[in-house]
N, C-alpha and C. Protein backbone atom coordinates (compact mmCIF):
# COMPACT_ATOMS: atom_id res chain seq x y z
N MET A 1 72.84 -24.09 -62.28
CA MET A 1 71.65 -23.31 -62.48
C MET A 1 70.63 -22.77 -61.67
N SER A 2 71.01 -21.40 -62.50
CA SER A 2 69.92 -20.38 -61.28
C SER A 2 68.87 -20.93 -60.91
N SER A 3 68.01 -20.53 -60.40
CA SER A 3 66.67 -20.75 -60.25
C SER A 3 65.42 -19.69 -61.07
N GLY A 4 66.23 -18.69 -61.86
CA GLY A 4 65.52 -18.15 -63.30
C GLY A 4 65.53 -18.84 -64.10
N GLY A 5 66.49 -19.44 -64.43
CA GLY A 5 66.84 -21.15 -65.43
C GLY A 5 65.70 -21.35 -65.48
N PHE A 6 65.96 -22.16 -64.86
CA PHE A 6 65.42 -23.40 -64.36
C PHE A 6 64.14 -23.40 -64.49
N LEU A 7 63.84 -22.28 -64.12
CA LEU A 7 62.32 -21.57 -63.87
C LEU A 7 62.07 -21.36 -66.18
N LEU A 8 63.26 -21.02 -66.11
CA LEU A 8 62.53 -20.57 -67.65
C LEU A 8 62.60 -22.15 -68.88
N LEU A 9 63.71 -22.73 -68.24
CA LEU A 9 63.09 -24.54 -69.55
C LEU A 9 61.95 -24.54 -68.70
N LEU A 10 61.81 -25.06 -67.70
CA LEU A 10 60.82 -25.56 -67.03
C LEU A 10 58.89 -25.26 -67.72
N GLY A 11 59.16 -23.44 -68.19
CA GLY A 11 58.28 -22.70 -68.56
C GLY A 11 57.89 -23.50 -70.12
N LEU A 12 59.23 -23.16 -70.52
CA LEU A 12 59.44 -23.97 -72.25
C LEU A 12 59.17 -25.30 -72.31
N LEU A 13 59.19 -26.14 -71.12
CA LEU A 13 59.18 -27.18 -72.06
C LEU A 13 57.27 -27.37 -71.66
N THR A 14 56.62 -27.01 -70.16
CA THR A 14 55.51 -27.03 -70.16
C THR A 14 54.74 -26.85 -71.89
N LEU A 15 54.90 -25.55 -72.32
CA LEU A 15 54.51 -24.84 -73.59
C LEU A 15 54.81 -25.54 -74.59
N TRP A 16 55.58 -26.33 -74.40
CA TRP A 16 56.13 -27.37 -75.59
C TRP A 16 55.26 -28.85 -75.20
N ALA A 17 55.28 -28.49 -74.55
CA ALA A 17 54.40 -30.54 -73.86
C ALA A 17 52.69 -30.17 -74.44
N GLU A 18 52.07 -28.40 -73.94
CA GLU A 18 50.59 -28.27 -74.66
C GLU A 18 50.67 -28.39 -75.97
N LEU A 19 52.19 -28.16 -76.89
CA LEU A 19 51.28 -27.83 -78.13
C LEU A 19 51.78 -29.32 -78.95
N THR A 20 52.66 -30.33 -78.47
CA THR A 20 52.58 -31.57 -78.73
C THR A 20 51.26 -31.89 -78.96
N PRO A 21 51.26 -32.52 -80.49
CA PRO A 21 49.79 -33.54 -80.27
C PRO A 21 49.57 -34.37 -78.99
N ILE A 22 48.86 -35.15 -79.04
CA ILE A 22 48.89 -36.35 -77.96
C ILE A 22 48.60 -37.51 -78.66
N SER A 23 49.12 -38.64 -77.95
CA SER A 23 48.91 -39.67 -78.12
C SER A 23 49.77 -40.18 -79.61
N GLY A 24 50.80 -39.17 -80.10
CA GLY A 24 51.17 -39.12 -81.36
C GLY A 24 50.32 -39.18 -82.39
N GLN A 25 49.31 -38.60 -81.96
CA GLN A 25 47.97 -38.33 -83.14
C GLN A 25 48.54 -37.38 -83.94
N ASP A 26 47.94 -36.38 -84.90
CA ASP A 26 48.55 -35.73 -85.61
C ASP A 26 47.51 -34.01 -85.16
N HIS A 27 46.95 -34.30 -84.20
CA HIS A 27 45.92 -33.05 -84.13
C HIS A 27 46.02 -32.27 -83.10
N PRO A 28 46.06 -30.80 -82.86
CA PRO A 28 46.36 -29.99 -81.94
C PRO A 28 45.88 -30.94 -80.42
N VAL A 29 45.87 -29.57 -79.80
CA VAL A 29 45.67 -30.32 -78.14
C VAL A 29 43.98 -29.95 -77.91
N PHE A 30 43.80 -28.53 -78.67
CA PHE A 30 42.13 -28.23 -79.29
C PHE A 30 41.34 -28.81 -79.85
N CYS A 31 41.81 -29.84 -80.23
CA CYS A 31 40.94 -30.88 -81.39
C CYS A 31 40.16 -31.54 -80.51
N TYR A 32 40.69 -31.92 -78.65
CA TYR A 32 40.78 -32.76 -78.70
C TYR A 32 39.57 -32.41 -77.31
N LEU A 33 38.96 -31.30 -77.42
CA LEU A 33 38.20 -30.31 -76.59
C LEU A 33 37.28 -30.73 -76.40
N PRO A 34 35.92 -30.77 -75.94
CA PRO A 34 34.26 -31.14 -76.08
C PRO A 34 34.04 -30.16 -76.55
N ALA A 35 32.98 -30.11 -77.25
CA ALA A 35 32.06 -28.85 -78.58
C ALA A 35 31.31 -28.10 -76.60
N ASP A 36 31.83 -27.41 -76.86
CA ASP A 36 31.35 -26.38 -75.25
C ASP A 36 30.25 -24.98 -76.28
N PRO A 37 29.01 -24.76 -75.98
CA PRO A 37 28.43 -24.11 -76.81
C PRO A 37 28.51 -22.48 -76.17
N GLY A 38 29.09 -22.26 -74.57
CA GLY A 38 29.77 -21.38 -74.53
C GLY A 38 28.30 -20.64 -73.15
N ILE A 39 28.75 -19.62 -72.98
CA ILE A 39 27.12 -19.59 -71.92
C ILE A 39 26.64 -18.12 -72.18
N CYS A 40 26.56 -17.94 -74.00
CA CYS A 40 25.25 -17.13 -74.12
C CYS A 40 24.81 -18.23 -74.91
N LYS A 41 23.46 -17.18 -75.42
CA LYS A 41 22.10 -18.16 -75.45
C LYS A 41 21.85 -17.91 -77.19
N ALA A 42 22.61 -17.43 -77.79
CA ALA A 42 22.36 -17.16 -79.63
C ALA A 42 22.21 -18.77 -79.61
N HIS A 43 21.95 -19.23 -81.31
CA HIS A 43 21.82 -20.49 -81.78
C HIS A 43 22.43 -20.42 -82.95
N LYS A 44 23.82 -20.68 -83.26
CA LYS A 44 24.61 -20.39 -84.43
C LYS A 44 24.74 -21.36 -84.44
N PRO A 45 24.82 -22.28 -85.69
CA PRO A 45 24.96 -23.64 -85.84
C PRO A 45 26.82 -23.26 -85.87
N ARG A 46 27.69 -24.45 -85.58
CA ARG A 46 28.97 -24.66 -85.63
C ARG A 46 29.62 -26.17 -85.69
N PHE A 47 30.63 -26.09 -85.89
CA PHE A 47 31.24 -27.51 -85.98
C PHE A 47 31.48 -27.88 -85.34
N TYR A 48 32.46 -28.88 -84.29
CA TYR A 48 33.76 -29.15 -84.10
C TYR A 48 34.02 -30.42 -84.44
N TYR A 49 35.86 -30.37 -84.33
CA TYR A 49 36.41 -31.96 -84.53
C TYR A 49 35.85 -32.88 -83.49
N ASN A 50 35.07 -33.85 -83.94
CA ASN A 50 35.37 -35.69 -83.21
C ASN A 50 36.86 -35.92 -83.59
N PRO A 51 37.25 -36.64 -82.91
CA PRO A 51 39.37 -37.44 -83.41
C PRO A 51 38.36 -38.52 -83.15
N ALA A 52 37.85 -39.42 -82.08
CA ALA A 52 37.42 -40.84 -81.97
C ALA A 52 36.70 -40.93 -83.88
N SER A 53 35.93 -40.24 -84.26
CA SER A 53 35.07 -40.49 -85.69
C SER A 53 35.69 -39.81 -86.45
N ASN A 54 36.86 -38.99 -86.33
CA ASN A 54 37.49 -38.13 -87.09
C ASN A 54 36.47 -37.74 -88.03
N LYS A 55 36.00 -37.09 -87.72
CA LYS A 55 35.16 -36.69 -88.46
C LYS A 55 34.29 -35.03 -87.52
N CYS A 56 33.98 -33.96 -88.61
CA CYS A 56 32.65 -32.82 -87.62
C CYS A 56 31.66 -32.85 -87.35
N LYS A 57 31.37 -32.35 -86.60
CA LYS A 57 29.44 -32.28 -86.24
C LYS A 57 29.86 -31.01 -85.54
N GLU A 58 28.40 -31.35 -86.17
CA GLU A 58 27.19 -29.84 -85.62
C GLU A 58 26.75 -29.82 -84.18
N PHE A 59 26.79 -28.75 -83.91
CA PHE A 59 26.78 -27.98 -82.46
C PHE A 59 25.90 -27.09 -82.46
N PHE A 60 25.36 -26.31 -81.30
CA PHE A 60 25.06 -24.35 -82.00
C PHE A 60 25.71 -23.85 -80.37
N TYR A 61 26.18 -23.03 -81.21
CA TYR A 61 26.91 -22.36 -80.04
C TYR A 61 26.36 -21.18 -80.20
N GLY A 62 26.33 -21.04 -78.39
CA GLY A 62 26.02 -19.52 -78.11
C GLY A 62 26.25 -17.77 -78.19
N GLY A 63 27.50 -18.40 -78.76
CA GLY A 63 27.42 -16.59 -79.13
C GLY A 63 29.04 -15.85 -78.69
N CYS A 64 29.22 -16.99 -77.41
CA CYS A 64 30.65 -15.93 -76.27
C CYS A 64 30.50 -17.55 -75.71
N GLY A 65 32.04 -17.34 -75.24
CA GLY A 65 32.71 -18.34 -74.49
C GLY A 65 33.19 -19.23 -75.50
N GLY A 66 32.66 -20.37 -74.78
CA GLY A 66 33.27 -22.09 -75.72
C GLY A 66 34.82 -22.16 -75.32
N ASN A 67 35.60 -22.81 -76.57
CA ASN A 67 36.97 -23.15 -76.66
C ASN A 67 36.91 -22.98 -77.90
N ALA A 68 38.25 -23.49 -78.49
CA ALA A 68 38.96 -23.21 -80.05
C ALA A 68 38.53 -24.24 -80.42
N ASN A 69 37.44 -25.32 -79.90
CA ASN A 69 37.30 -26.50 -81.04
C ASN A 69 35.83 -26.29 -81.46
N ASN A 70 35.64 -24.98 -82.59
CA ASN A 70 34.56 -24.74 -82.53
C ASN A 70 34.92 -23.87 -84.38
N PHE A 71 34.07 -23.96 -85.44
CA PHE A 71 34.57 -23.96 -86.72
C PHE A 71 33.53 -22.99 -87.35
N LYS A 72 33.86 -22.66 -88.24
CA LYS A 72 32.51 -21.88 -88.91
C LYS A 72 31.41 -23.11 -90.16
N THR A 73 32.12 -23.55 -90.45
CA THR A 73 32.34 -24.69 -91.58
C THR A 73 32.34 -26.19 -91.58
N ARG A 74 32.35 -27.30 -91.73
CA ARG A 74 32.94 -28.15 -91.90
C ARG A 74 34.10 -28.47 -91.94
N GLU A 75 34.30 -28.09 -93.72
CA GLU A 75 35.75 -28.25 -94.14
C GLU A 75 36.49 -27.47 -93.41
N GLU A 76 36.49 -26.31 -92.42
CA GLU A 76 37.43 -25.74 -91.78
C GLU A 76 37.87 -26.50 -90.58
N GLY A 77 36.98 -27.09 -89.66
CA GLY A 77 36.94 -27.83 -89.22
C GLY A 77 37.54 -29.23 -88.57
N HIS A 78 37.53 -30.30 -89.98
CA HIS A 78 38.24 -31.10 -90.57
C HIS A 78 39.50 -31.50 -90.48
N HIS A 79 40.21 -29.60 -91.31
CA HIS A 79 41.44 -29.48 -91.29
C HIS A 79 42.39 -28.71 -90.39
N PRO A 80 41.94 -29.34 -89.13
CA PRO A 80 42.42 -27.42 -88.15
C PRO A 80 43.59 -27.95 -88.26
N LEU A 81 44.59 -29.03 -88.68
CA LEU A 81 45.83 -28.58 -88.32
C LEU A 81 46.70 -28.90 -89.74
N TYR A 82 46.44 -29.38 -90.84
CA TYR A 82 46.89 -28.98 -91.56
C TYR A 82 47.78 -28.02 -92.35
N PRO A 83 49.41 -28.03 -93.09
CA PRO A 83 49.71 -26.82 -93.00
C PRO A 83 48.61 -26.46 -94.30
N PRO A 84 48.94 -24.81 -94.22
CA PRO A 84 49.98 -24.07 -93.17
C PRO A 84 49.12 -22.99 -92.34
N GLN A 85 47.97 -23.66 -92.15
CA GLN A 85 47.32 -24.01 -90.59
C GLN A 85 47.75 -23.59 -89.22
N TRP A 86 49.14 -24.36 -89.05
CA TRP A 86 49.18 -25.70 -88.17
C TRP A 86 49.49 -24.81 -86.99
N GLY A 87 50.38 -23.71 -86.78
CA GLY A 87 50.04 -22.60 -85.74
C GLY A 87 50.11 -22.11 -85.73
N GLU A 88 48.88 -21.58 -86.03
CA GLU A 88 47.74 -21.15 -85.49
C GLU A 88 45.76 -21.64 -85.22
N PRO A 89 45.66 -21.12 -84.46
CA PRO A 89 44.19 -21.45 -83.92
C PRO A 89 43.13 -21.10 -84.95
N PRO A 90 41.90 -21.94 -85.41
CA PRO A 90 41.11 -21.00 -86.34
C PRO A 90 40.11 -20.21 -85.25
N GLU A 91 39.90 -18.99 -86.07
CA GLU A 91 39.28 -18.03 -85.85
C GLU A 91 38.28 -18.20 -85.59
N ARG A 92 38.31 -17.04 -83.77
CA ARG A 92 37.17 -17.61 -83.04
C ARG A 92 35.95 -15.62 -83.16
N VAL A 93 34.73 -16.53 -83.47
CA VAL A 93 34.71 -15.12 -83.24
C VAL A 93 32.90 -15.18 -82.59
């Protein structure tokens, strides 16, 4: 196998590993990220999914930065992975 083909295969395997749920759970990787208020100073109520409790919990988002485990509503955060939105992370604002 050429080095270019090997690198392509390695890249695809890495991408697959990132998108594969952790520990056999049905949660995308971003569900395991902690609540992150970001670097700005706004005080917007948001929700993050906590896989340990299988519940959404409220936190205050600063308005910029942060991560993908950040939802406008509790309902949106509680089911971030079920069809049809499995392939898309939640809308970031």
